[in-house]
Amino acid sequence: MKLLTLICVANAEGNKLVGTLPFEMKLLSGMTDLVIVNNTIKGTLPITFGEEAESLRSLLLPYNELTGSIPQNYLRNSPLEFVHLGNNDFSGPIPTNIGNATYLQQLDLSENLMTGTIPEEIREYKVLEALSLANNTLQGTIPGALYEMTGLKLLHLNGNALTGTMSSFIGGLSSLMELHVGRSELSGYIPDELYSLTNLVELDIGQALFTGRLSLGFLNLEDLEKLIISDNELSGTIPFEFGQLVRLSDFNLEGNEFFGAIPESVCLLRETNLEVLTANCDRITCDCCSDCL
């Protein structure tokens, strides 16, 4: 039984491993989980392993120095559920078929050098719950296919050169708990349909080009803990009613065109959960801000 465990699961997390993924990995066709996290593994993904593996459920190789492109149809015979390849140096386009797309639940390609656009074919990951493409060099607009992936709970697209607007179809992603689209070139008004995402815990649209005023629709997001709207082109005053967002712990609104004062109702949140309140105090009055820029 111990031998079977060694064959089926490879776990090397933070062991200061160096070198490349060996050609001989193709012999481990019965492996179920490959976990090599926070090491110094270089080179590319072994093609022969991708062809032979038939039982792999987890491919977790973040925080290494892997390079090259991620092949289309990689591990096509594997019932992959979790793919975490973030914090490497992968390049090339976003793959639209890793493993058997029927099973994939999490795909993390963040902090790489991925290029091109987010393909419409990404809809093939039909049961995906978490997608992170953050901090790559992706361009283009948010494809309509993403708005069809109604099982998503986490969507991180921040730190790319995405353009265009946020579609009203965002309201269809009713399971979303984390939405990060900041540090981009997205623009326009925040669609009213966003405020129907009542499961949101984190919303980050900071460092983009969004315009308009703060809507009372935010009050629908009662579970919101993190609200980052900094460095946009938003204007007007901060509504007194925002004091009803009692679960907020991080509220960053600096770098906009707001005026007036932070309402007392928001300041009172500092006595409960609100730990970080950031604003430009030369533009608006904020006696209670934790960070006054």
C-alpha atoms as a PDB file:
ATOM      1  CA  MET A   1       0.000   0.000   0.000  1.00  0.00           C
ATOM      2  CA  LYS A   2       2.862   2.386   0.735  1.00  0.00           C
ATOM      3  CA  LEU A   3       4.384   1.639  -2.665  1.00  0.00           C
ATOM      4  CA  LEU A   4       1.071   2.420  -4.370  1.00  0.00           C
ATOM      5  CA  THR A   5       0.909   5.778  -2.594  1.00  0.00           C
ATOM      6  CA  LEU A   6       4.402   6.695  -3.756  1.00  0.00           C
ATOM      7  CA  ILE A   7       3.531   5.840  -7.331  1.00  0.00           C
ATOM      8  CA  CYS A   8       0.227   7.691  -7.430  1.00  0.00           C
ATOM      9  CA  VAL A   9       1.097  10.910  -5.589  1.00  0.00           C
ATOM     10  CA  ALA A  10       4.179  13.102  -5.982  1.00  0.00           C
ATOM     11  CA  ASN A  11       4.338  15.972  -3.502  1.00  0.00           C
ATOM     12  CA  ALA A  12       7.346  18.276  -3.303  1.00  0.00           C
ATOM     13  CA  GLU A  13       6.403  21.592  -1.738  1.00  0.00           C
ATOM     14  CA  GLY A  14       9.126  24.045  -0.794  1.00  0.00           C
ATOM     15  CA  ASN A  15      11.896  21.440  -0.845  1.00  0.00           C
ATOM     16  CA  LYS A  16      14.410  23.600  -2.743  1.00  0.00           C
ATOM     17  CA  LEU A  17      14.278  21.289  -5.744  1.00  0.00           C
ATOM     18  CA  VAL A  18      16.154  22.356  -8.869  1.00  0.00           C
ATOM     19  CA  GLY A  19      16.462  20.996 -12.383  1.00  0.00           C
ATOM     20  CA  THR A  20      13.805  20.063 -14.935  1.00  0.00           C
ATOM     21  CA  LEU A  21      10.822  17.742 -15.101  1.00  0.00           C
ATOM     22  CA  PRO A  22      12.436  14.499 -16.324  1.00  0.00           C
ATOM     23  CA  PHE A  23      11.581  12.573 -19.480  1.00  0.00           C
ATOM     24  CA  GLU A  24      11.105   9.478 -17.317  1.00  0.00           C
ATOM     25  CA  MET A  25       7.944  10.956 -15.863  1.00  0.00           C
ATOM     26  CA  LYS A  26       6.126   9.180 -18.683  1.00  0.00           C
ATOM     27  CA  LEU A  27       6.545   5.971 -16.648  1.00  0.00           C
ATOM     28  CA  LEU A  28       4.271   7.399 -13.944  1.00  0.00           C
ATOM     29  CA  SER A  29       1.108   6.976 -15.976  1.00  0.00           C
ATOM     30  CA  GLY A  30      -0.890   6.011 -12.875  1.00  0.00           C
ATOM     31  CA  MET A  31      -0.061   9.165 -10.919  1.00  0.00           C
ATOM     32  CA  THR A  32      -3.105  10.993  -9.572  1.00  0.00           C
ATOM     33  CA  ASP A  33      -1.534  14.155  -8.112  1.00  0.00           C
ATOM     34  CA  LEU A  34       1.632  15.996  -9.147  1.00  0.00           C
ATOM     35  CA  VAL A  35       2.449  18.728  -6.629  1.00  0.00           C
ATOM     36  CA  ILE A  36       5.747  20.636  -6.955  1.00  0.00           C
ATOM     37  CA  VAL A  37       5.215  24.012  -5.336  1.00  0.00           C
ATOM     38  CA  ASN A  38       7.700  26.802  -4.597  1.00  0.00           C
ATOM     39  CA  ASN A  39      10.873  25.259  -5.939  1.00  0.00           C
ATOM     40  CA  THR A  40      13.257  26.132  -8.789  1.00  0.00           C
ATOM     41  CA  ILE A  41      12.091  23.760 -11.487  1.00  0.00           C
ATOM     42  CA  LYS A  42      13.009  25.005 -14.966  1.00  0.00           C
ATOM     43  CA  GLY A  43      12.324  23.901 -18.517  1.00  0.00           C
ATOM     44  CA  THR A  44       9.084  22.994 -20.244  1.00  0.00           C
ATOM     45  CA  LEU A  45       6.201  20.634 -19.569  1.00  0.00           C
ATOM     46  CA  PRO A  46       7.200  17.085 -20.633  1.00  0.00           C
ATOM     47  CA  ILE A  47       5.170  16.159 -23.700  1.00  0.00           C
ATOM     48  CA  THR A  48       5.490  12.391 -23.273  1.00  0.00           C
ATOM     49  CA  PHE A  49       4.104  12.572 -19.745  1.00  0.00           C
ATOM     50  CA  GLY A  50       1.164  14.534 -21.090  1.00  0.00           C
ATOM     51  CA  GLU A  51       0.445  11.769 -23.561  1.00  0.00           C
ATOM     52  CA  GLU A  52       0.790   8.860 -21.135  1.00  0.00           C
ATOM     53  CA  ALA A  53      -0.874  10.130 -17.939  1.00  0.00           C
ATOM     54  CA  GLU A  54      -4.380   8.702 -17.632  1.00  0.00           C
ATOM     55  CA  SER A  55      -5.210   9.183 -13.949  1.00  0.00           C
ATOM     56  CA  LEU A  56      -3.925  12.670 -13.119  1.00  0.00           C
ATOM     57  CA  ARG A  57      -6.431  14.786 -11.198  1.00  0.00           C
ATOM     58  CA  SER A  58      -4.156  17.576  -9.922  1.00  0.00           C
ATOM     59  CA  LEU A  59      -1.330  19.363 -11.731  1.00  0.00           C
ATOM     60  CA  LEU A  60       0.051  21.856  -9.218  1.00  0.00           C
ATOM     61  CA  LEU A  61       3.364  23.448 -10.272  1.00  0.00           C
ATOM     62  CA  PRO A  62       3.132  27.094  -9.109  1.00  0.00           C
ATOM     63  CA  TYR A  63       6.082  29.209  -7.976  1.00  0.00           C
ATOM     64  CA  ASN A  64       8.737  27.636 -10.154  1.00  0.00           C
ATOM     65  CA  GLU A  65      10.623  28.828 -13.253  1.00  0.00           C
ATOM     66  CA  LEU A  66       8.905  26.796 -15.948  1.00  0.00           C
ATOM     67  CA  THR A  67       8.923  28.222 -19.461  1.00  0.00           C
ATOM     68  CA  GLY A  68       7.517  27.628 -22.929  1.00  0.00           C
ATOM     69  CA  SER A  69       3.917  27.374 -24.015  1.00  0.00           C
ATOM     70  CA  ILE A  70       1.231  25.164 -22.509  1.00  0.00           C
ATOM     71  CA  PRO A  71       0.335  22.710 -25.274  1.00  0.00           C
ATOM     72  CA  GLN A  72      -3.226  22.474 -26.484  1.00  0.00           C
ATOM     73  CA  ASN A  73      -4.781  19.144 -25.494  1.00  0.00           C
ATOM     74  CA  TYR A  74      -2.107  18.627 -22.852  1.00  0.00           C
ATOM     75  CA  LEU A  75      -2.981  15.642 -20.620  1.00  0.00           C
ATOM     76  CA  ARG A  76      -5.997  15.035 -22.837  1.00  0.00           C
ATOM     77  CA  ASN A  77      -6.432  11.534 -21.406  1.00  0.00           C
ATOM     78  CA  SER A  78      -6.434  12.706 -17.785  1.00  0.00           C
ATOM     79  CA  PRO A  79      -9.501  13.503 -15.639  1.00  0.00           C
ATOM     80  CA  LEU A  80      -7.895  16.753 -14.476  1.00  0.00           C
ATOM     81  CA  GLU A  81      -9.782  18.730 -11.835  1.00  0.00           C
ATOM     82  CA  PHE A  82      -7.155  21.211 -10.612  1.00  0.00           C
ATOM     83  CA  VAL A  83      -4.477  22.970 -12.692  1.00  0.00           C
ATOM     84  CA  HIS A  84      -2.322  25.558 -10.915  1.00  0.00           C
ATOM     85  CA  LEU A  85       0.599  26.802 -13.033  1.00  0.00           C
ATOM     86  CA  GLY A  86       0.806  30.336 -11.670  1.00  0.00           C
ATOM     87  CA  ASN A  87       3.996  32.250 -10.896  1.00  0.00           C
ATOM     88  CA  ASN A  88       6.112  30.738 -13.641  1.00  0.00           C
ATOM     89  CA  ASP A  89       7.332  32.050 -17.003  1.00  0.00           C
ATOM     90  CA  PHE A  90       4.904  30.298 -19.329  1.00  0.00           C
ATOM     91  CA  SER A  91       4.217  32.172 -22.557  1.00  0.00           C
ATOM     92  CA  GLY A  92       1.983  31.855 -25.573  1.00  0.00           C
ATOM     93  CA  PRO A  93      -1.815  31.705 -25.803  1.00  0.00           C
ATOM     94  CA  ILE A  94      -4.320  30.553 -23.203  1.00  0.00           C
ATOM     95  CA  PRO A  95      -4.919  26.821 -23.810  1.00  0.00           C
ATOM     96  CA  THR A  96      -8.532  25.915 -24.379  1.00  0.00           C
ATOM     97  CA  ASN A  97      -8.231  22.227 -23.612  1.00  0.00           C
ATOM     98  CA  ILE A  98      -6.181  20.863 -20.705  1.00  0.00           C
ATOM     99  CA  GLY A  99      -7.048  17.343 -19.677  1.00  0.00           C
ATOM    100  CA  ASN A 100     -10.645  16.336 -20.179  1.00  0.00           C
ATOM    101  CA  ALA A 101     -12.413  19.699 -20.057  1.00  0.00           C
ATOM    102  CA  THR A 102     -15.460  17.929 -18.614  1.00  0.00           C
ATOM    103  CA  TYR A 103     -13.881  17.713 -15.160  1.00  0.00           C
ATOM    104  CA  LEU A 104     -11.717  20.824 -14.736  1.00  0.00           C
ATOM    105  CA  GLN A 105     -12.793  22.876 -11.712  1.00  0.00           C
ATOM    106  CA  GLN A 106      -9.853  25.238 -11.166  1.00  0.00           C
ATOM    107  CA  LEU A 107      -7.470  26.815 -13.682  1.00  0.00           C
ATOM    108  CA  ASP A 108      -4.773  29.193 -12.439  1.00  0.00           C
ATOM    109  CA  LEU A 109      -2.353  30.627 -15.005  1.00  0.00           C
ATOM    110  CA  SER A 110      -1.678  33.880 -13.142  1.00  0.00           C
ATOM    111  CA  GLU A 111       1.692  35.629 -12.948  1.00  0.00           C
ATOM    112  CA  ASN A 112       3.039  34.311 -16.237  1.00  0.00           C
ATOM    113  CA  LEU A 113       3.794  35.779 -19.670  1.00  0.00           C
ATOM    114  CA  MET A 114       0.674  34.578 -21.486  1.00  0.00           C
ATOM    115  CA  THR A 115      -0.174  36.584 -24.607  1.00  0.00           C
ATOM    116  CA  GLY A 116      -3.030  37.053 -27.029  1.00  0.00           C
ATOM    117  CA  THR A 117      -6.692  37.300 -26.105  1.00  0.00           C
ATOM    118  CA  ILE A 118      -8.962  35.282 -23.847  1.00  0.00           C
ATOM    119  CA  PRO A 119     -10.430  32.825 -26.366  1.00  0.00           C
ATOM    120  CA  GLU A 120     -14.133  32.215 -26.791  1.00  0.00           C
ATOM    121  CA  GLU A 121     -13.342  28.496 -26.658  1.00  0.00           C
ATOM    122  CA  ILE A 122     -12.661  28.810 -22.952  1.00  0.00           C
ATOM    123  CA  ARG A 123     -16.346  27.956 -22.539  1.00  0.00           C
ATOM    124  CA  GLU A 124     -15.328  24.318 -23.065  1.00  0.00           C
ATOM    125  CA  TYR A 125     -14.356  24.211 -19.383  1.00  0.00           C
ATOM    126  CA  LYS A 126     -17.982  23.615 -18.534  1.00  0.00           C
ATOM    127  CA  VAL A 127     -17.703  23.006 -14.760  1.00  0.00           C
ATOM    128  CA  LEU A 128     -15.000  25.565 -14.008  1.00  0.00           C
ATOM    129  CA  GLU A 129     -15.412  27.264 -10.623  1.00  0.00           C
ATOM    130  CA  ALA A 130     -12.166  29.252 -10.391  1.00  0.00           C
ATOM    131  CA  LEU A 131     -10.315  30.983 -13.229  1.00  0.00           C
ATOM    132  CA  SER A 132      -7.268  33.187 -12.653  1.00  0.00           C
ATOM    133  CA  LEU A 133      -5.478  34.741 -15.607  1.00  0.00           C
ATOM    134  CA  ALA A 134      -4.202  37.675 -13.553  1.00  0.00           C
ATOM    135  CA  ASN A 135      -0.957  39.479 -14.266  1.00  0.00           C
ATOM    136  CA  ASN A 136      -0.151  38.302 -17.758  1.00  0.00           C
ATOM    137  CA  THR A 137       0.041  40.341 -20.977  1.00  0.00           C
ATOM    138  CA  LEU A 138      -3.382  39.503 -22.368  1.00  0.00           C
ATOM    139  CA  GLN A 139      -5.172  41.965 -24.629  1.00  0.00           C
ATOM    140  CA  GLY A 140      -8.601  42.402 -26.151  1.00  0.00           C
ATOM    141  CA  THR A 141     -11.999  42.441 -24.497  1.00  0.00           C
ATOM    142  CA  ILE A 142     -13.661  40.135 -21.994  1.00  0.00           C
ATOM    143  CA  PRO A 143     -15.178  37.481 -24.289  1.00  0.00           C
ATOM    144  CA  GLY A 144     -18.854  36.670 -24.170  1.00  0.00           C
ATOM    145  CA  ALA A 145     -17.959  33.075 -23.362  1.00  0.00           C
ATOM    146  CA  LEU A 146     -16.863  34.041 -19.862  1.00  0.00           C
ATOM    147  CA  TYR A 147     -20.289  35.456 -19.093  1.00  0.00           C
ATOM    148  CA  GLU A 148     -21.749  32.038 -19.951  1.00  0.00           C
ATOM    149  CA  MET A 149     -19.670  30.196 -17.333  1.00  0.00           C
ATOM    150  CA  THR A 150     -22.319  30.414 -14.658  1.00  0.00           C
ATOM    151  CA  GLY A 151     -20.519  28.102 -12.222  1.00  0.00           C
ATOM    152  CA  LEU A 152     -17.636  30.517 -11.683  1.00  0.00           C
ATOM    153  CA  LYS A 153     -17.035  31.519  -8.079  1.00  0.00           C
ATOM    154  CA  LEU A 154     -13.670  33.198  -8.641  1.00  0.00           C
ATOM    155  CA  LEU A 155     -12.707  35.262 -11.694  1.00  0.00           C
ATOM    156  CA  HIS A 156      -9.373  37.091 -11.640  1.00  0.00           C
ATOM    157  CA  LEU A 157      -8.483  38.957 -14.845  1.00  0.00           C
ATOM    158  CA  ASN A 158      -6.620  41.859 -13.238  1.00  0.00           C
ATOM    159  CA  GLY A 159      -3.193  43.004 -14.375  1.00  0.00           C
ATOM    160  CA  ASN A 160      -3.750  42.606 -18.111  1.00  0.00           C
ATOM    161  CA  ALA A 161      -4.239  45.081 -20.956  1.00  0.00           C
ATOM    162  CA  LEU A 162      -7.934  44.275 -21.363  1.00  0.00           C
ATOM    163  CA  THR A 163     -10.039  46.925 -23.065  1.00  0.00           C
ATOM    164  CA  GLY A 164     -13.711  47.619 -23.657  1.00  0.00           C
ATOM    165  CA  THR A 165     -16.478  47.626 -21.083  1.00  0.00           C
ATOM    166  CA  MET A 166     -17.919  45.251 -18.546  1.00  0.00           C
ATOM    167  CA  SER A 167     -20.994  43.704 -20.132  1.00  0.00           C
ATOM    168  CA  SER A 168     -24.423  43.692 -18.542  1.00  0.00           C
ATOM    169  CA  PHE A 169     -24.204  39.913 -18.916  1.00  0.00           C
ATOM    170  CA  ILE A 170     -21.997  39.943 -15.817  1.00  0.00           C
ATOM    171  CA  GLY A 171     -25.262  39.553 -13.898  1.00  0.00           C
ATOM    172  CA  GLY A 172     -25.483  35.959 -15.097  1.00  0.00           C
ATOM    173  CA  LEU A 173     -22.485  34.946 -12.981  1.00  0.00           C
ATOM    174  CA  SER A 174     -24.620  34.662  -9.876  1.00  0.00           C
ATOM    175  CA  SER A 175     -22.179  32.356  -8.046  1.00  0.00           C
ATOM    176  CA  LEU A 176     -19.255  34.794  -8.139  1.00  0.00           C
ATOM    177  CA  MET A 177     -17.562  35.447  -4.810  1.00  0.00           C
ATOM    178  CA  GLU A 178     -14.410  37.153  -6.121  1.00  0.00           C
ATOM    179  CA  LEU A 179     -14.260  39.434  -9.156  1.00  0.00           C
ATOM    180  CA  HIS A 180     -10.936  41.137  -9.908  1.00  0.00           C
ATOM    181  CA  VAL A 181     -10.703  43.106 -13.171  1.00  0.00           C
ATOM    182  CA  GLY A 182      -8.553  46.029 -12.039  1.00  0.00           C
ATOM    183  CA  ARG A 183      -5.179  47.150 -13.345  1.00  0.00           C
ATOM    184  CA  SER A 184      -6.599  47.077 -16.849  1.00  0.00           C
ATOM    185  CA  GLU A 185      -7.914  49.441 -19.493  1.00  0.00           C
ATOM    186  CA  LEU A 186     -11.570  48.536 -18.980  1.00  0.00           C
ATOM    187  CA  SER A 187     -13.792  51.604 -19.136  1.00  0.00           C
ATOM    188  CA  GLY A 188     -17.346  52.876 -19.093  1.00  0.00           C
ATOM    189  CA  TYR A 189     -20.016  52.694 -16.429  1.00  0.00           C
ATOM    190  CA  ILE A 190     -20.276  49.893 -13.909  1.00  0.00           C
ATOM    191  CA  PRO A 191     -23.305  47.943 -15.177  1.00  0.00           C
ATOM    192  CA  ASP A 192     -26.303  47.785 -12.853  1.00  0.00           C
ATOM    193  CA  GLU A 193     -26.368  44.013 -13.304  1.00  0.00           C
ATOM    194  CA  LEU A 194     -23.183  43.771 -11.246  1.00  0.00           C
ATOM    195  CA  TYR A 195     -25.201  44.621  -8.143  1.00  0.00           C
ATOM    196  CA  SER A 196     -27.211  41.416  -8.506  1.00  0.00           C
ATOM    197  CA  LEU A 197     -24.111  39.359  -7.619  1.00  0.00           C
ATOM    198  CA  THR A 198     -25.104  39.040  -3.994  1.00  0.00           C
ATOM    199  CA  ASN A 199     -22.475  36.382  -3.223  1.00  0.00           C
ATOM    200  CA  LEU A 200     -19.593  38.773  -3.890  1.00  0.00           C
ATOM    201  CA  VAL A 201     -17.040  38.974  -1.095  1.00  0.00           C
ATOM    202  CA  GLU A 202     -14.278  40.718  -3.070  1.00  0.00           C
ATOM    203  CA  LEU A 203     -14.652  43.272  -5.859  1.00  0.00           C
ATOM    204  CA  ASP A 204     -11.529  44.873  -7.320  1.00  0.00           C
ATOM    205  CA  ILE A 205     -11.911  47.274 -10.235  1.00  0.00           C
ATOM    206  CA  GLY A 206      -9.013  49.513  -9.155  1.00  0.00           C
ATOM    207  CA  GLN A 207      -6.595  51.146 -11.606  1.00  0.00           C
ATOM    208  CA  ALA A 208      -8.888  51.082 -14.616  1.00  0.00           C
ATOM    209  CA  LEU A 209     -10.958  53.674 -16.505  1.00  0.00           C
ATOM    210  CA  PHE A 210     -14.438  53.258 -15.050  1.00  0.00           C
ATOM    211  CA  THR A 211     -16.631  56.385 -14.869  1.00  0.00           C
ATOM    212  CA  GLY A 212     -19.818  57.511 -13.171  1.00  0.00           C
ATOM    213  CA  ARG A 213     -20.974  57.836  -9.578  1.00  0.00           C
ATOM    214  CA  LEU A 214     -21.175  55.288  -6.801  1.00  0.00           C
ATOM    215  CA  SER A 215     -24.512  53.534  -7.051  1.00  0.00           C
ATOM    216  CA  LEU A 216     -26.671  52.558  -4.117  1.00  0.00           C
ATOM    217  CA  GLY A 217     -26.803  49.217  -5.894  1.00  0.00           C
ATOM    218  CA  PHE A 218     -23.652  48.362  -3.928  1.00  0.00           C
ATOM    219  CA  LEU A 219     -25.930  47.968  -0.896  1.00  0.00           C
ATOM    220  CA  ASN A 220     -27.208  44.721  -2.422  1.00  0.00           C
ATOM    221  CA  LEU A 221     -23.731  43.252  -1.922  1.00  0.00           C
ATOM    222  CA  GLU A 222     -24.219  42.626   1.777  1.00  0.00           C
ATOM    223  CA  ASP A 223     -21.369  40.088   2.049  1.00  0.00           C
ATOM    224  CA  LEU A 224     -18.788  42.420   0.533  1.00  0.00           C
ATOM    225  CA  GLU A 225     -15.546  42.489   2.536  1.00  0.00           C
ATOM    226  CA  LYS A 226     -13.145  44.011   0.019  1.00  0.00           C
ATOM    227  CA  LEU A 227     -14.102  46.898  -2.272  1.00  0.00           C
ATOM    228  CA  ILE A 228     -11.280  48.350  -4.361  1.00  0.00           C
ATOM    229  CA  ILE A 229     -12.386  51.160  -6.695  1.00  0.00           C
ATOM    230  CA  SER A 230      -9.185  53.227  -6.585  1.00  0.00           C
ATOM    231  CA  ASP A 231      -7.586  55.054  -9.527  1.00  0.00           C
ATOM    232  CA  ASN A 232     -10.544  55.286 -11.860  1.00  0.00           C
ATOM    233  CA  GLU A 233     -12.542  58.272 -13.131  1.00  0.00           C
ATOM    234  CA  LEU A 234     -15.396  57.970 -10.664  1.00  0.00           C
ATOM    235  CA  SER A 235     -16.919  61.167  -9.288  1.00  0.00           C
ATOM    236  CA  GLY A 236     -19.511  62.573  -6.908  1.00  0.00           C
ATOM    237  CA  THR A 237     -19.819  62.001  -3.178  1.00  0.00           C
ATOM    238  CA  ILE A 238     -19.595  58.881  -1.042  1.00  0.00           C
ATOM    239  CA  PRO A 239     -23.202  57.937  -0.181  1.00  0.00           C
ATOM    240  CA  PHE A 240     -24.110  57.951   3.503  1.00  0.00           C
ATOM    241  CA  GLU A 241     -25.823  54.608   2.933  1.00  0.00           C
ATOM    242  CA  PHE A 242     -22.450  52.904   2.385  1.00  0.00           C
ATOM    243  CA  GLY A 243     -22.315  52.643   6.161  1.00  0.00           C
ATOM    244  CA  GLN A 244     -24.682  49.688   5.732  1.00  0.00           C
ATOM    245  CA  LEU A 245     -21.866  47.582   4.232  1.00  0.00           C
ATOM    246  CA  VAL A 246     -21.046  46.294   7.681  1.00  0.00           C
ATOM    247  CA  ARG A 247     -18.747  43.477   6.548  1.00  0.00           C
ATOM    248  CA  LEU A 248     -16.295  45.726   4.738  1.00  0.00           C
ATOM    249  CA  SER A 249     -12.731  45.284   5.950  1.00  0.00           C
ATOM    250  CA  ASP A 250     -10.895  46.966   3.037  1.00  0.00           C
ATOM    251  CA  PHE A 251     -12.309  50.000   1.207  1.00  0.00           C
ATOM    252  CA  ASN A 252      -9.983  51.836  -1.189  1.00  0.00           C
ATOM    253  CA  LEU A 253     -11.385  54.798  -3.101  1.00  0.00           C
ATOM    254  CA  GLU A 254      -8.315  56.986  -3.638  1.00  0.00           C
ATOM    255  CA  GLY A 255      -7.328  58.318  -7.050  1.00  0.00           C
ATOM    256  CA  ASN A 256     -10.807  59.298  -8.259  1.00  0.00           C
ATOM    257  CA  GLU A 257     -12.703  62.582  -8.527  1.00  0.00           C
ATOM    258  CA  PHE A 258     -14.787  62.265  -5.391  1.00  0.00           C
ATOM    259  CA  PHE A 259     -15.513  65.362  -3.303  1.00  0.00           C
ATOM    260  CA  GLY A 260     -17.098  66.171   0.027  1.00  0.00           C
ATOM    261  CA  ALA A 261     -16.492  64.167   3.169  1.00  0.00           C
ATOM    262  CA  ILE A 262     -16.402  60.511   4.113  1.00  0.00           C
ATOM    263  CA  PRO A 263     -19.798  60.010   5.816  1.00  0.00           C
ATOM    264  CA  GLU A 264     -19.810  59.409   9.544  1.00  0.00           C
ATOM    265  CA  SER A 265     -21.684  56.168   8.897  1.00  0.00           C
ATOM    266  CA  VAL A 266     -18.653  54.840   6.995  1.00  0.00           C
ATOM    267  CA  CYS A 267     -16.263  56.068   9.678  1.00  0.00           C
ATOM    268  CA  LEU A 268     -18.248  54.109  12.266  1.00  0.00           C
ATOM    269  CA  LEU A 269     -17.381  50.926  10.362  1.00  0.00           C
ATOM    270  CA  ARG A 270     -13.819  51.434  11.634  1.00  0.00           C
ATOM    271  CA  GLU A 271     -15.124  50.375  15.047  1.00  0.00           C
ATOM    272  CA  THR A 272     -16.122  46.948  13.747  1.00  0.00           C
ATOM    273  CA  ASN A 273     -14.665  45.226  10.647  1.00  0.00           C
ATOM    274  CA  LEU A 274     -13.259  48.051   8.520  1.00  0.00           C
ATOM    275  CA  GLU A 275      -9.456  47.900   8.912  1.00  0.00           C
ATOM    276  CA  VAL A 276      -8.299  49.738   5.772  1.00  0.00           C
ATOM    277  CA  LEU A 277      -9.976  52.915   4.498  1.00  0.00           C
ATOM    278  CA  THR A 278      -7.928  54.723   1.864  1.00  0.00           C
ATOM    279  CA  ALA A 279      -8.741  58.082   0.281  1.00  0.00           C
ATOM    280  CA  ASN A 280      -7.182  61.255  -1.115  1.00  0.00           C
ATOM    281  CA  CYS A 281      -7.534  63.566   1.856  1.00  0.00           C
ATOM    282  CA  ASP A 282      -6.593  66.619  -0.214  1.00  0.00           C
ATOM    283  CA  ARG A 283      -9.770  66.091  -2.240  1.00  0.00           C
ATOM    284  CA  ILE A 284     -12.232  64.815   0.345  1.00  0.00           C
ATOM    285  CA  THR A 285     -12.394  65.181   4.096  1.00  0.00           C
ATOM    286  CA  CYS A 286     -11.535  61.970   5.887  1.00  0.00           C
ATOM    287  CA  ASP A 287     -10.752  62.163   9.604  1.00  0.00           C
ATOM    288  CA  CYS A 288     -11.058  58.400  10.019  1.00  0.00           C
ATOM    289  CA  CYS A 289      -9.005  57.063   7.095  1.00  0.00           C
ATOM    290  CA  SER A 290      -6.311  54.523   7.888  1.00  0.00           C
ATOM    291  CA  ASP A 291      -4.380  55.602   4.770  1.00  0.00           C
ATOM    292  CA  CYS A 292      -4.678  59.262   3.809  1.00  0.00           C
ATOM    293  CA  LEU A 293      -3.004  60.037   0.484  1.00  0.00           C
END
